Amino acid sequence: MVDVFDKIADAMASLDSDGFKKALNEAMEKKTPVTDILEKGLRKGLAEVGRRFEAGEYFLSELLFGADMMGEAMKTLSPQLKEQSIEKKGTIVLGTVRGDIHDIGKNIFKAFAQGSGFEVFDLGVDVDPENFVRNVVEKKPNVLGLSALLTTTIPEMKIVIDELKKARARDQVKVILGGNAVTEEYAKEIGADAAAVDAVQGTNFCKGWIRK
């Protein structure tokens, strides 16, 4: 017999929105601990979406749909999540750099990172370097995620890293870059720790840093 966790994971992995909602409601009606729903159902399903994306079975549209499903589930579970202790993998401060208002890639990464157990502080779009630095100093995250889609706004990433150095906070945090125009070469050039080609790879980088 298929348990409710497998139903949730399978529905998410196959992007079956109706089946997913039904399985999620079934779990909640049974008063299933929210931490179990998250660990044994949602994360397992989202990991499979990521695997299929990396294998070329899913494309960006499917990845976005999976992230949306995860986001909706988190909203539903959020009131109860606050009441239960969840093992947190680490903390990420995230935002799209100054001058850029694109957030689709950022939001997909956020959903995957949260689904993997990270607490994410999303600063939104068009974020000033000072705002990034202030949040790194105050929140002491493990990772700072900088997103940019426009080639014209990529130089902002270097400004953020330079400001982190001025604040003597660069060594306190791993910096990951994301966005279509970002390359690994550019990340090395400006002193970032990594550049991610997609949300799945970015989340895997973060998980790897936490394990070390």
Protein backbone atom coordinates (compact mmCIF):
# COMPACT_ATOMS: atom_id res chain seq x y z
CA MET A 1 0.00 0.00 0.00
CA VAL A 2 1.36 3.42 -0.95
CA ASP A 3 1.77 5.63 2.11
CA VAL A 4 0.83 9.29 2.11
CA PHE A 5 4.47 10.43 1.94
CA ASP A 6 5.03 8.46 -1.26
CA LYS A 7 1.81 9.91 -2.68
CA ILE A 8 3.06 13.44 -1.99
CA ALA A 9 6.53 12.72 -3.38
CA ASP A 10 5.23 10.90 -6.47
CA ALA A 11 2.66 13.63 -7.27
CA MET A 12 5.29 16.35 -6.98
CA ALA A 13 7.82 14.40 -9.03
CA SER A 14 5.26 13.90 -11.81
CA LEU A 15 4.02 17.52 -11.47
CA ASP A 16 0.48 16.28 -10.77
CA SER A 17 -0.94 19.39 -9.11
CA ASP A 18 -4.36 17.93 -8.29
CA GLY A 19 -2.93 14.68 -6.94
CA PHE A 20 -0.39 16.68 -4.95
CA LYS A 21 -3.05 18.82 -3.25
CA LYS A 22 -5.14 15.74 -2.53
CA ALA A 23 -2.20 13.87 -0.95
CA LEU A 24 -1.19 16.94 1.06
CA ASN A 25 -4.74 17.35 2.37
CA GLU A 26 -4.88 13.66 3.24
CA ALA A 27 -1.70 13.97 5.29
CA MET A 28 -2.98 17.03 7.12
CA GLU A 29 -6.38 15.43 7.82
CA LYS A 30 -4.54 12.51 9.43
CA LYS A 31 -2.77 15.04 11.69
CA THR A 32 0.56 13.89 10.25
CA PRO A 33 3.50 15.78 11.80
CA VAL A 34 4.41 18.61 9.44
CA THR A 35 8.11 17.84 9.80
CA ASP A 36 7.43 14.33 8.43
CA ILE A 37 5.41 15.74 5.52
CA LEU A 38 8.34 18.02 4.71
CA GLU A 39 11.16 15.51 5.17
CA LYS A 40 9.57 12.30 3.84
CA GLY A 41 7.26 13.75 1.18
CA LEU A 42 8.04 17.24 -0.11
CA ARG A 43 11.83 17.09 -0.08
CA LYS A 44 11.87 13.65 -1.65
CA GLY A 45 9.56 14.82 -4.45
CA LEU A 46 11.46 18.03 -5.08
CA ALA A 47 14.76 16.14 -5.19
CA GLU A 48 13.29 13.92 -7.92
CA VAL A 49 12.17 16.99 -9.91
CA GLY A 50 15.75 18.25 -9.66
CA ARG A 51 17.14 14.87 -10.73
CA ARG A 52 14.88 14.76 -13.78
CA PHE A 53 15.92 18.31 -14.70
CA GLU A 54 19.60 17.41 -14.48
CA ALA A 55 18.97 14.29 -16.56
CA GLY A 56 17.33 16.38 -19.29
CA GLU A 57 13.90 14.82 -18.71
CA TYR A 58 12.49 18.12 -17.41
CA PHE A 59 13.13 21.65 -18.66
CA LEU A 60 12.99 25.09 -17.06
CA SER A 61 9.19 25.28 -17.28
CA GLU A 62 8.86 22.01 -15.34
CA LEU A 63 11.44 23.16 -12.82
CA LEU A 64 9.47 26.36 -12.28
CA PHE A 65 6.22 24.41 -11.90
CA GLY A 66 7.82 22.15 -9.30
CA ALA A 67 9.13 25.17 -7.41
CA ASP A 68 5.64 26.72 -7.48
CA MET A 69 4.15 23.50 -6.07
CA MET A 70 6.73 23.54 -3.28
CA GLY A 71 6.04 27.22 -2.58
CA GLU A 72 2.29 26.64 -2.30
CA ALA A 73 2.85 23.66 0.00
CA MET A 74 5.13 25.73 2.24
CA LYS A 75 2.44 28.42 2.51
CA THR A 76 -0.10 25.78 3.55
CA LEU A 77 2.22 24.21 6.11
CA SER A 78 3.83 27.41 7.33
CA PRO A 79 1.54 28.08 10.36
CA GLN A 80 2.26 24.62 11.74
CA LEU A 81 5.92 24.65 10.73
CA LYS A 82 6.48 27.58 13.07
CA GLU A 83 5.18 25.49 15.96
CA GLN A 84 7.42 22.50 15.28
CA SER A 85 11.16 22.35 15.43
CA ILE A 86 12.77 21.54 12.11
CA GLU A 87 16.39 20.65 11.66
CA LYS A 88 17.84 23.56 9.76
CA LYS A 89 20.69 22.86 7.36
CA GLY A 90 21.88 26.45 7.19
CA THR A 91 20.94 30.01 6.35
CA ILE A 92 20.97 31.84 3.01
CA VAL A 93 20.57 35.55 2.32
CA LEU A 94 19.35 36.00 -1.24
CA GLY A 95 18.48 38.80 -3.63
CA THR A 96 18.60 40.20 -7.16
CA VAL A 97 21.23 42.92 -7.48
CA ARG A 98 20.66 46.65 -7.88
CA GLY A 99 19.18 47.68 -11.22
CA ASP A 100 17.72 44.25 -11.97
CA ILE A 101 14.10 43.30 -11.25
CA HIS A 102 14.10 39.72 -12.57
CA ASP A 103 13.19 37.16 -9.95
CA ILE A 104 12.09 33.89 -11.59
CA GLY A 105 15.48 32.18 -11.23
CA LYS A 106 15.87 33.57 -7.72
CA ASN A 107 12.46 32.28 -6.70
CA ILE A 108 13.11 28.80 -8.09
CA PHE A 109 16.40 28.65 -6.19
CA LYS A 110 14.65 29.84 -3.03
CA ALA A 111 12.05 27.06 -3.29
CA PHE A 112 14.70 24.40 -3.82
CA ALA A 113 16.88 25.73 -0.99
CA GLN A 114 13.94 25.85 1.42
CA GLY A 115 12.91 22.40 0.27
CA SER A 116 16.41 21.18 1.15
CA GLY A 117 16.19 22.54 4.69
CA PHE A 118 17.75 25.99 4.41
CA GLU A 119 16.27 29.07 6.03
CA VAL A 120 16.18 31.71 3.29
CA PHE A 121 16.03 35.46 3.81
CA ASP A 122 14.85 36.81 0.45
CA LEU A 123 15.68 40.52 0.07
CA GLY A 124 13.75 40.74 -3.20
CA VAL A 125 14.91 42.53 -6.36
CA ASP A 126 16.91 45.71 -7.08
CA VAL A 127 18.84 45.27 -3.82
CA ASP A 128 21.51 47.82 -2.91
CA PRO A 129 24.99 46.49 -2.03
CA GLU A 130 24.65 48.07 1.42
CA ASN A 131 21.50 46.03 2.03
CA PHE A 132 23.27 42.80 1.17
CA VAL A 133 26.21 43.64 3.44
CA ARG A 134 23.97 44.71 6.33
CA ASN A 135 22.07 41.43 6.17
CA VAL A 136 25.26 39.37 6.04
CA VAL A 137 26.61 41.18 9.10
CA GLU A 138 23.33 40.99 11.03
CA LYS A 139 22.05 37.53 10.07
CA LYS A 140 25.42 35.79 9.72
CA PRO A 141 24.23 33.44 6.94
CA ASN A 142 26.25 30.52 5.63
CA VAL A 143 25.62 31.62 2.04
CA LEU A 144 24.93 34.86 0.19
CA GLY A 145 23.14 34.38 -3.13
CA LEU A 146 23.42 37.14 -5.74
CA SER A 147 21.15 36.95 -8.79
CA ALA A 148 21.30 38.96 -12.03
CA LEU A 149 19.76 38.33 -15.42
CA LEU A 150 20.93 41.45 -17.25
CA THR A 151 24.53 41.68 -18.43
CA THR A 152 24.42 45.38 -17.53
CA THR A 153 23.80 44.58 -13.84
CA ILE A 154 26.44 41.86 -13.43
CA PRO A 155 29.10 44.41 -12.30
CA GLU A 156 26.89 44.98 -9.23
CA MET A 157 27.97 41.54 -7.99
CA LYS A 158 31.59 42.69 -7.78
CA ILE A 159 30.49 45.82 -5.93
CA VAL A 160 28.70 43.68 -3.33
CA ILE A 161 31.79 41.50 -2.83
CA ASP A 162 34.04 44.57 -2.57
CA GLU A 163 31.69 46.07 0.03
CA LEU A 164 31.75 42.80 1.98
CA LYS A 165 35.55 43.03 2.04
CA LYS A 166 35.40 46.62 3.29
CA ALA A 167 33.07 45.51 6.07
CA ARG A 168 35.46 42.63 6.85
CA ALA A 169 32.60 40.22 6.30
CA ARG A 170 33.71 38.45 3.12
CA ASP A 171 35.40 35.58 4.97
CA GLN A 172 32.26 34.94 7.01
CA VAL A 173 30.09 33.80 4.10
CA LYS A 174 30.13 31.75 0.89
CA VAL A 175 29.01 33.79 -2.13
CA ILE A 176 27.15 32.13 -4.98
CA LEU A 177 26.14 33.85 -8.23
CA GLY A 178 23.14 32.99 -10.39
CA GLY A 179 21.64 34.20 -13.65
CA ASN A 180 21.85 33.51 -17.37
CA ALA A 181 24.73 35.87 -17.99
CA VAL A 182 26.88 34.68 -15.07
CA THR A 183 29.81 32.33 -15.67
CA GLU A 184 32.20 30.38 -13.46
CA GLU A 185 35.03 32.46 -14.93
CA TYR A 186 33.35 35.67 -13.82
CA ALA A 187 32.77 34.23 -10.36
CA LYS A 188 36.49 33.50 -10.02
CA GLU A 189 37.39 36.90 -11.44
CA ILE A 190 35.41 38.84 -8.82
CA GLY A 191 36.17 36.53 -5.91
CA ALA A 192 32.87 34.67 -5.55
CA ASP A 193 32.87 31.02 -4.44
CA ALA A 194 30.73 29.64 -7.25
CA ALA A 195 28.37 30.38 -10.13
CA ALA A 196 25.32 28.16 -10.61
CA VAL A 197 23.83 27.40 -14.02
CA ASP A 198 20.48 26.58 -12.41
CA ALA A 199 18.65 26.29 -9.07
CA VAL A 200 19.40 22.60 -8.63
CA GLN A 201 23.15 23.06 -9.03
CA GLY A 202 23.05 26.13 -6.78
CA THR A 203 21.29 24.21 -4.01
CA ASN A 204 23.79 21.37 -4.36
CA PHE A 205 26.68 23.84 -3.95
CA CYS A 206 25.09 25.13 -0.74
CA LYS A 207 24.52 21.63 0.63
CA GLY A 208 28.12 20.74 -0.14
CA TRP A 209 29.45 23.77 1.74
CA ILE A 210 27.35 22.97 4.79
CA ARG A 211 28.56 19.36 4.87
CA LYS A 212 32.23 20.42 4.97
